[in-house]
């Protein structure tokens, strides 16, 4: 069946259903579209909610859909849509009050997810605080700035930067992620860079220990610039 024909049939069915509902509720007849003013026509949105013919400037409410994408919703709540002054419907429909009716299994899943999310955030917060404290100690105590501690310092720095960019990613709205904005891609790229450099500084730690202990090579002959290059430049 042609899509346009199917849509017209659905909207016609929507109009009949609304007319019956109005009569049962005692609302009387809907506004006359041939009157002195323009009205928003009866329409069917993408979710399947019927919006009745309404006067300009009216905020129309309709019960939330009973089912959507296989999920049952609470029909005692309402969705809202504004009829604009020019007699057209607003493109944005407020379904924020529509809540899904969850079974016990789904409720437990959502609860466990929220608990895991809170633990994740708390863990990152505690980690950042401890890492910043260690970073400041290395910054203040100049007497301990040997090559080994410089490597530790850089490793701590990568952990801090990775955690900070992780928090920034969590603040980005899901719709922005879906929109693939340029600045969002830049933040994601920076986060991935710090993740990679974090692993490379772990590799540098291993190289230093292997050279100093296994190969019994004097660490005085090791060059700091070489480790800095491996840690910060080899990652990308």
C-alpha atoms as a PDB file:
ATOM      1  CA  UNK A   1       0.000   0.000   0.000  1.00  0.00           C
ATOM      2  CA  UNK A   2       1.220   3.509  -0.802  1.00  0.00           C
ATOM      3  CA  UNK A   3       2.749   5.257   2.244  1.00  0.00           C
ATOM      4  CA  UNK A   4       0.784   8.479   1.685  1.00  0.00           C
ATOM      5  CA  UNK A   5      -2.489   6.539   1.432  1.00  0.00           C
ATOM      6  CA  UNK A   6      -1.681   4.576   4.579  1.00  0.00           C
ATOM      7  CA  UNK A   7      -0.902   7.789   6.466  1.00  0.00           C
ATOM      8  CA  UNK A   8      -4.170   9.398   5.347  1.00  0.00           C
ATOM      9  CA  UNK A   9      -6.114   6.326   6.489  1.00  0.00           C
ATOM     10  CA  UNK A  10      -4.407   6.404   9.880  1.00  0.00           C
ATOM     11  CA  UNK A  11      -5.158  10.104  10.306  1.00  0.00           C
ATOM     12  CA  UNK A  12      -8.776   9.523   9.301  1.00  0.00           C
ATOM     13  CA  UNK A  13      -9.020   6.758  11.887  1.00  0.00           C
ATOM     14  CA  UNK A  14      -7.408   9.117  14.383  1.00  0.00           C
ATOM     15  CA  UNK A  15     -10.054  11.776  13.646  1.00  0.00           C
ATOM     16  CA  UNK A  16     -12.898   9.278  14.126  1.00  0.00           C
ATOM     17  CA  UNK A  17     -11.443   8.022  17.398  1.00  0.00           C
ATOM     18  CA  UNK A  18     -11.051  11.559  18.712  1.00  0.00           C
ATOM     19  CA  UNK A  19     -14.560  12.544  17.658  1.00  0.00           C
ATOM     20  CA  UNK A  20     -15.971   9.569  19.556  1.00  0.00           C
ATOM     21  CA  UNK A  21     -13.858  10.440  22.573  1.00  0.00           C
ATOM     22  CA  UNK A  22     -15.019  14.073  22.525  1.00  0.00           C
ATOM     23  CA  UNK A  23     -18.678  13.058  22.365  1.00  0.00           C
ATOM     24  CA  UNK A  24     -18.281  10.561  25.207  1.00  0.00           C
ATOM     25  CA  UNK A  25     -16.562  13.179  27.355  1.00  0.00           C
ATOM     26  CA  UNK A  26     -19.233  15.759  26.577  1.00  0.00           C
ATOM     27  CA  UNK A  27     -16.857  18.213  24.968  1.00  0.00           C
ATOM     28  CA  UNK A  28     -19.250  18.961  22.157  1.00  0.00           C
ATOM     29  CA  UNK A  29     -18.141  19.590  18.632  1.00  0.00           C
ATOM     30  CA  UNK A  30     -14.537  20.482  17.801  1.00  0.00           C
ATOM     31  CA  UNK A  31     -13.741  23.980  16.464  1.00  0.00           C
ATOM     32  CA  UNK A  32     -14.932  24.740  12.974  1.00  0.00           C
ATOM     33  CA  UNK A  33     -11.920  24.927  10.619  1.00  0.00           C
ATOM     34  CA  UNK A  34     -13.958  27.210   8.310  1.00  0.00           C
ATOM     35  CA  UNK A  35     -14.453  29.783  11.080  1.00  0.00           C
ATOM     36  CA  UNK A  36     -12.784  33.204  11.323  1.00  0.00           C
ATOM     37  CA  UNK A  37      -9.614  31.747  12.820  1.00  0.00           C
ATOM     38  CA  UNK A  38      -7.144  29.091  11.735  1.00  0.00           C
ATOM     39  CA  UNK A  39      -6.837  25.893  13.748  1.00  0.00           C
ATOM     40  CA  UNK A  40      -4.306  23.122  14.106  1.00  0.00           C
ATOM     41  CA  UNK A  41      -5.645  20.154  12.188  1.00  0.00           C
ATOM     42  CA  UNK A  42      -6.143  16.702  13.645  1.00  0.00           C
ATOM     43  CA  UNK A  43      -2.897  14.813  13.181  1.00  0.00           C
ATOM     44  CA  UNK A  44      -1.058  11.641  14.086  1.00  0.00           C
ATOM     45  CA  UNK A  45       2.541  11.878  15.309  1.00  0.00           C
ATOM     46  CA  UNK A  46       5.349   9.371  14.726  1.00  0.00           C
ATOM     47  CA  UNK A  47       4.653   7.543  17.972  1.00  0.00           C
ATOM     48  CA  UNK A  48       0.991   7.093  17.079  1.00  0.00           C
ATOM     49  CA  UNK A  49      -0.634   9.650  19.381  1.00  0.00           C
ATOM     50  CA  UNK A  50      -3.711  11.414  17.969  1.00  0.00           C
ATOM     51  CA  UNK A  51      -3.707  15.184  18.424  1.00  0.00           C
ATOM     52  CA  UNK A  52      -7.177  16.772  18.086  1.00  0.00           C
ATOM     53  CA  UNK A  53      -8.088  19.895  16.171  1.00  0.00           C
ATOM     54  CA  UNK A  54      -7.167  22.761  18.500  1.00  0.00           C
ATOM     55  CA  UNK A  55      -7.237  26.537  18.743  1.00  0.00           C
ATOM     56  CA  UNK A  56      -4.011  28.533  18.225  1.00  0.00           C
ATOM     57  CA  UNK A  57      -1.973  29.061  21.375  1.00  0.00           C
ATOM     58  CA  UNK A  58      -3.488  26.053  23.138  1.00  0.00           C
ATOM     59  CA  UNK A  59      -1.340  23.549  25.014  1.00  0.00           C
ATOM     60  CA  UNK A  60      -2.962  20.211  24.233  1.00  0.00           C
ATOM     61  CA  UNK A  61      -2.549  17.146  26.411  1.00  0.00           C
ATOM     62  CA  UNK A  62      -3.069  13.539  25.402  1.00  0.00           C
ATOM     63  CA  UNK A  63      -2.649  10.300  27.376  1.00  0.00           C
ATOM     64  CA  UNK A  64       0.721   8.634  27.046  1.00  0.00           C
ATOM     65  CA  UNK A  65       0.830   5.719  24.580  1.00  0.00           C
ATOM     66  CA  UNK A  66       0.023   2.345  26.107  1.00  0.00           C
ATOM     67  CA  UNK A  67       2.866   0.603  24.257  1.00  0.00           C
ATOM     68  CA  UNK A  68       5.912   1.908  22.415  1.00  0.00           C
ATOM     69  CA  UNK A  69       8.811  -0.212  21.128  1.00  0.00           C
ATOM     70  CA  UNK A  70       7.455  -3.174  23.076  1.00  0.00           C
ATOM     71  CA  UNK A  71       7.487  -1.263  26.391  1.00  0.00           C
ATOM     72  CA  UNK A  72       4.299  -0.617  28.360  1.00  0.00           C
ATOM     73  CA  UNK A  73       3.763   2.945  29.601  1.00  0.00           C
ATOM     74  CA  UNK A  74       1.623   4.511  32.301  1.00  0.00           C
ATOM     75  CA  UNK A  75      -1.428   5.892  30.451  1.00  0.00           C
ATOM     76  CA  UNK A  76      -2.542   7.965  33.461  1.00  0.00           C
ATOM     77  CA  UNK A  77       0.244  10.424  32.583  1.00  0.00           C
ATOM     78  CA  UNK A  78      -0.049  12.886  29.705  1.00  0.00           C
ATOM     79  CA  UNK A  79       2.021  14.085  26.764  1.00  0.00           C
ATOM     80  CA  UNK A  80       1.873  17.737  25.726  1.00  0.00           C
ATOM     81  CA  UNK A  81       2.024  19.573  22.411  1.00  0.00           C
ATOM     82  CA  UNK A  82       1.484  23.235  21.586  1.00  0.00           C
ATOM     83  CA  UNK A  83      -0.724  24.549  18.813  1.00  0.00           C
ATOM     84  CA  UNK A  84       1.159  27.577  17.488  1.00  0.00           C
ATOM     85  CA  UNK A  85      -0.440  30.939  16.743  1.00  0.00           C
ATOM     86  CA  UNK A  86      -0.159  30.379  12.989  1.00  0.00           C
ATOM     87  CA  UNK A  87      -2.347  27.274  13.191  1.00  0.00           C
ATOM     88  CA  UNK A  88       0.422  24.669  12.946  1.00  0.00           C
ATOM     89  CA  UNK A  89       1.569  22.109  15.475  1.00  0.00           C
ATOM     90  CA  UNK A  90       4.889  22.570  17.273  1.00  0.00           C
ATOM     91  CA  UNK A  91       7.459  20.059  16.062  1.00  0.00           C
ATOM     92  CA  UNK A  92       8.557  19.251  19.612  1.00  0.00           C
ATOM     93  CA  UNK A  93       6.244  16.999  21.632  1.00  0.00           C
ATOM     94  CA  UNK A  94       6.758  16.715  25.380  1.00  0.00           C
ATOM     95  CA  UNK A  95       6.720  13.028  26.331  1.00  0.00           C
ATOM     96  CA  UNK A  96       8.898  13.576  29.409  1.00  0.00           C
ATOM     97  CA  UNK A  97       6.048  12.737  31.807  1.00  0.00           C
ATOM     98  CA  UNK A  98       5.468   9.337  30.197  1.00  0.00           C
ATOM     99  CA  UNK A  99       7.053   6.683  32.388  1.00  0.00           C
ATOM    100  CA  UNK A 100       7.499   3.007  31.479  1.00  0.00           C
ATOM    101  CA  UNK A 101       5.867   0.385  33.665  1.00  0.00           C
ATOM    102  CA  UNK A 102       8.736  -1.908  34.648  1.00  0.00           C
ATOM    103  CA  UNK A 103       8.537  -5.434  35.991  1.00  0.00           C
ATOM    104  CA  UNK A 104      10.508  -6.541  39.058  1.00  0.00           C
ATOM    105  CA  UNK A 105      13.388  -7.886  36.967  1.00  0.00           C
ATOM    106  CA  UNK A 106      13.743  -4.617  35.059  1.00  0.00           C
ATOM    107  CA  UNK A 107      13.532  -2.595  38.295  1.00  0.00           C
ATOM    108  CA  UNK A 108      16.354  -4.656  39.818  1.00  0.00           C
ATOM    109  CA  UNK A 109      18.419  -4.205  36.666  1.00  0.00           C
ATOM    110  CA  UNK A 110      17.938  -0.424  36.745  1.00  0.00           C
ATOM    111  CA  UNK A 111      18.798  -0.324  40.462  1.00  0.00           C
ATOM    112  CA  UNK A 112      21.988  -2.346  39.946  1.00  0.00           C
ATOM    113  CA  UNK A 113      22.942  -0.127  37.008  1.00  0.00           C
ATOM    114  CA  UNK A 114      22.514   3.048  39.084  1.00  0.00           C
ATOM    115  CA  UNK A 115      24.550   1.566  41.949  1.00  0.00           C
ATOM    116  CA  UNK A 116      27.333   0.567  39.535  1.00  0.00           C
ATOM    117  CA  UNK A 117      27.266   4.059  38.014  1.00  0.00           C
ATOM    118  CA  UNK A 118      27.570   5.706  41.448  1.00  0.00           C
ATOM    119  CA  UNK A 119      30.469   3.405  42.392  1.00  0.00           C
ATOM    120  CA  UNK A 120      32.145   4.240  39.074  1.00  0.00           C
ATOM    121  CA  UNK A 121      31.858   7.989  39.683  1.00  0.00           C
ATOM    122  CA  UNK A 122      33.021   7.696  43.306  1.00  0.00           C
ATOM    123  CA  UNK A 123      35.992   5.579  42.247  1.00  0.00           C
ATOM    124  CA  UNK A 124      37.068   8.139  39.661  1.00  0.00           C
ATOM    125  CA  UNK A 125      36.657  10.981  42.189  1.00  0.00           C
ATOM    126  CA  UNK A 126      38.765   9.229  44.849  1.00  0.00           C
ATOM    127  CA  UNK A 127      41.342   8.349  42.196  1.00  0.00           C
ATOM    128  CA  UNK A 128      41.636  11.965  40.993  1.00  0.00           C
ATOM    129  CA  UNK A 129      42.028  13.307  44.549  1.00  0.00           C
ATOM    130  CA  UNK A 130      44.771  10.790  45.406  1.00  0.00           C
ATOM    131  CA  UNK A 131      46.560  11.342  42.085  1.00  0.00           C
ATOM    132  CA  UNK A 132      46.500  15.133  42.434  1.00  0.00           C
ATOM    133  CA  UNK A 133      47.953  14.808  45.956  1.00  0.00           C
ATOM    134  CA  UNK A 134      50.769  12.603  44.613  1.00  0.00           C
ATOM    135  CA  UNK A 135      51.349  15.000  41.692  1.00  0.00           C
ATOM    136  CA  UNK A 136      51.710  17.953  44.078  1.00  0.00           C
ATOM    137  CA  UNK A 137      54.182  16.015  46.243  1.00  0.00           C
ATOM    138  CA  UNK A 138      56.396  15.355  43.219  1.00  0.00           C
ATOM    139  CA  UNK A 139      56.039  19.018  42.262  1.00  0.00           C
ATOM    140  CA  UNK A 140      57.026  20.382  45.684  1.00  0.00           C
ATOM    141  CA  UNK A 141      59.747  17.888  46.700  1.00  0.00           C
ATOM    142  CA  UNK A 142      62.479  18.736  44.226  1.00  0.00           C
ATOM    143  CA  UNK A 143      65.005  16.609  46.129  1.00  0.00           C
ATOM    144  CA  UNK A 144      63.391  13.373  44.876  1.00  0.00           C
ATOM    145  CA  UNK A 145      63.476  14.275  41.175  1.00  0.00           C
ATOM    146  CA  UNK A 146      65.518  11.417  39.815  1.00  0.00           C
ATOM    147  CA  UNK A 147      64.752   9.631  36.534  1.00  0.00           C
ATOM    148  CA  UNK A 148      62.702   6.934  38.245  1.00  0.00           C
ATOM    149  CA  UNK A 149      60.465   9.477  39.989  1.00  0.00           C
ATOM    150  CA  UNK A 150      60.141  11.565  36.826  1.00  0.00           C
ATOM    151  CA  UNK A 151      58.705   8.464  35.147  1.00  0.00           C
ATOM    152  CA  UNK A 152      56.328   7.978  38.104  1.00  0.00           C
ATOM    153  CA  UNK A 153      55.318  11.631  37.845  1.00  0.00           C
ATOM    154  CA  UNK A 154      54.457  11.375  34.169  1.00  0.00           C
ATOM    155  CA  UNK A 155      52.493   8.169  34.737  1.00  0.00           C
ATOM    156  CA  UNK A 156      50.466   9.924  37.454  1.00  0.00           C
ATOM    157  CA  UNK A 157      49.887  12.846  35.080  1.00  0.00           C
ATOM    158  CA  UNK A 158      48.420  10.560  32.412  1.00  0.00           C
ATOM    159  CA  UNK A 159      46.071   9.012  34.987  1.00  0.00           C
ATOM    160  CA  UNK A 160      44.863  12.487  36.031  1.00  0.00           C
ATOM    161  CA  UNK A 161      44.338  13.672  32.455  1.00  0.00           C
ATOM    162  CA  UNK A 162      42.567  10.452  31.496  1.00  0.00           C
ATOM    163  CA  UNK A 163      40.171  10.734  34.454  1.00  0.00           C
ATOM    164  CA  UNK A 164      39.434  14.419  33.788  1.00  0.00           C
ATOM    165  CA  UNK A 165      38.604  13.791  30.131  1.00  0.00           C
ATOM    166  CA  UNK A 166      36.488  10.799  31.208  1.00  0.00           C
ATOM    167  CA  UNK A 167      34.395  13.139  33.377  1.00  0.00           C
ATOM    168  CA  UNK A 168      34.052  15.535  30.431  1.00  0.00           C
ATOM    169  CA  UNK A 169      32.751  12.696  28.250  1.00  0.00           C
ATOM    170  CA  UNK A 170      30.154  11.769  30.874  1.00  0.00           C
ATOM    171  CA  UNK A 171      28.844  15.346  30.862  1.00  0.00           C
ATOM    172  CA  UNK A 172      28.161  15.252  27.116  1.00  0.00           C
ATOM    173  CA  UNK A 173      24.518  14.593  26.278  1.00  0.00           C
ATOM    174  CA  UNK A 174      23.643  11.387  24.416  1.00  0.00           C
ATOM    175  CA  UNK A 175      22.076  13.381  21.571  1.00  0.00           C
ATOM    176  CA  UNK A 176      25.381  15.223  21.061  1.00  0.00           C
ATOM    177  CA  UNK A 177      27.138  11.854  20.767  1.00  0.00           C
ATOM    178  CA  UNK A 178      24.575  10.762  18.202  1.00  0.00           C
ATOM    179  CA  UNK A 179      24.939  14.062  16.326  1.00  0.00           C
ATOM    180  CA  UNK A 180      28.680  13.422  15.914  1.00  0.00           C
ATOM    181  CA  UNK A 181      29.607  17.055  16.644  1.00  0.00           C
ATOM    182  CA  UNK A 182      33.170  18.125  15.808  1.00  0.00           C
ATOM    183  CA  UNK A 183      33.990  19.299  19.330  1.00  0.00           C
ATOM    184  CA  UNK A 184      32.601  16.038  20.751  1.00  0.00           C
ATOM    185  CA  UNK A 185      34.897  14.056  18.435  1.00  0.00           C
ATOM    186  CA  UNK A 186      37.813  16.231  19.582  1.00  0.00           C
ATOM    187  CA  UNK A 187      37.102  15.475  23.267  1.00  0.00           C
ATOM    188  CA  UNK A 188      36.821  11.757  22.467  1.00  0.00           C
ATOM    189  CA  UNK A 189      40.109  11.859  20.535  1.00  0.00           C
ATOM    190  CA  UNK A 190      41.872  13.598  23.429  1.00  0.00           C
ATOM    191  CA  UNK A 191      40.490  11.014  25.871  1.00  0.00           C
ATOM    192  CA  UNK A 192      41.711   8.141  23.680  1.00  0.00           C
ATOM    193  CA  UNK A 193      45.120   9.818  23.392  1.00  0.00           C
ATOM    194  CA  UNK A 194      45.482   9.995  27.183  1.00  0.00           C
ATOM    195  CA  UNK A 195      44.372   6.358  27.502  1.00  0.00           C
ATOM    196  CA  UNK A 196      47.087   5.299  25.039  1.00  0.00           C
ATOM    197  CA  UNK A 197      49.787   7.467  26.664  1.00  0.00           C
ATOM    198  CA  UNK A 198      48.784   6.004  30.018  1.00  0.00           C
ATOM    199  CA  UNK A 199      49.640   2.513  28.759  1.00  0.00           C
ATOM    200  CA  UNK A 200      52.848   3.736  27.139  1.00  0.00           C
ATOM    201  CA  UNK A 201      54.019   5.237  30.432  1.00  0.00           C
ATOM    202  CA  UNK A 202      53.338   1.862  32.059  1.00  0.00           C
ATOM    203  CA  UNK A 203      55.515   0.410  29.307  1.00  0.00           C
ATOM    204  CA  UNK A 204      58.214   2.996  30.134  1.00  0.00           C
ATOM    205  CA  UNK A 205      58.040   1.951  33.811  1.00  0.00           C
ATOM    206  CA  UNK A 206      58.579  -1.655  32.763  1.00  0.00           C
ATOM    207  CA  UNK A 207      61.472  -0.732  30.452  1.00  0.00           C
ATOM    208  CA  UNK A 208      63.184   1.201  33.232  1.00  0.00           C
ATOM    209  CA  UNK A 209      62.830  -1.617  35.762  1.00  0.00           C
ATOM    210  CA  UNK A 210      63.921  -4.227  33.222  1.00  0.00           C
ATOM    211  CA  UNK A 211      66.991  -2.166  32.318  1.00  0.00           C
ATOM    212  CA  UNK A 212      67.921  -1.434  35.926  1.00  0.00           C
ATOM    213  CA  UNK A 213      67.271  -4.885  37.447  1.00  0.00           C
ATOM    214  CA  UNK A 214      67.412  -7.610  34.791  1.00  0.00           C
ATOM    215  CA  UNK A 215      70.089  -6.116  32.560  1.00  0.00           C
ATOM    216  CA  UNK A 216      71.952  -4.600  35.556  1.00  0.00           C
ATOM    217  CA  UNK A 217      72.581  -1.538  33.416  1.00  0.00           C
ATOM    218  CA  UNK A 218      73.522   1.697  35.122  1.00  0.00           C
ATOM    219  CA  UNK A 219      70.522   4.030  35.104  1.00  0.00           C
ATOM    220  CA  UNK A 220      72.871   7.005  34.915  1.00  0.00           C
ATOM    221  CA  UNK A 221      73.384   6.272  31.217  1.00  0.00           C
ATOM    222  CA  UNK A 222      69.651   6.295  30.487  1.00  0.00           C
ATOM    223  CA  UNK A 223      68.348   9.420  28.778  1.00  0.00           C
ATOM    224  CA  UNK A 224      65.255  11.122  30.147  1.00  0.00           C
ATOM    225  CA  UNK A 225      64.283  12.583  26.758  1.00  0.00           C
ATOM    226  CA  UNK A 226      64.055   9.080  25.291  1.00  0.00           C
ATOM    227  CA  UNK A 227      61.508   7.983  27.894  1.00  0.00           C
ATOM    228  CA  UNK A 228      59.568  11.238  27.475  1.00  0.00           C
ATOM    229  CA  UNK A 229      59.416  10.670  23.728  1.00  0.00           C
ATOM    230  CA  UNK A 230      58.204   7.085  24.135  1.00  0.00           C
ATOM    231  CA  UNK A 231      55.588   8.040  26.742  1.00  0.00           C
ATOM    232  CA  UNK A 232      54.081  11.116  25.105  1.00  0.00           C
ATOM    233  CA  UNK A 233      54.836  10.791  21.393  1.00  0.00           C
ATOM    234  CA  UNK A 234      54.734   7.076  20.630  1.00  0.00           C
ATOM    235  CA  UNK A 235      51.115   6.731  21.796  1.00  0.00           C
ATOM    236  CA  UNK A 236      49.470   8.434  18.794  1.00  0.00           C
END
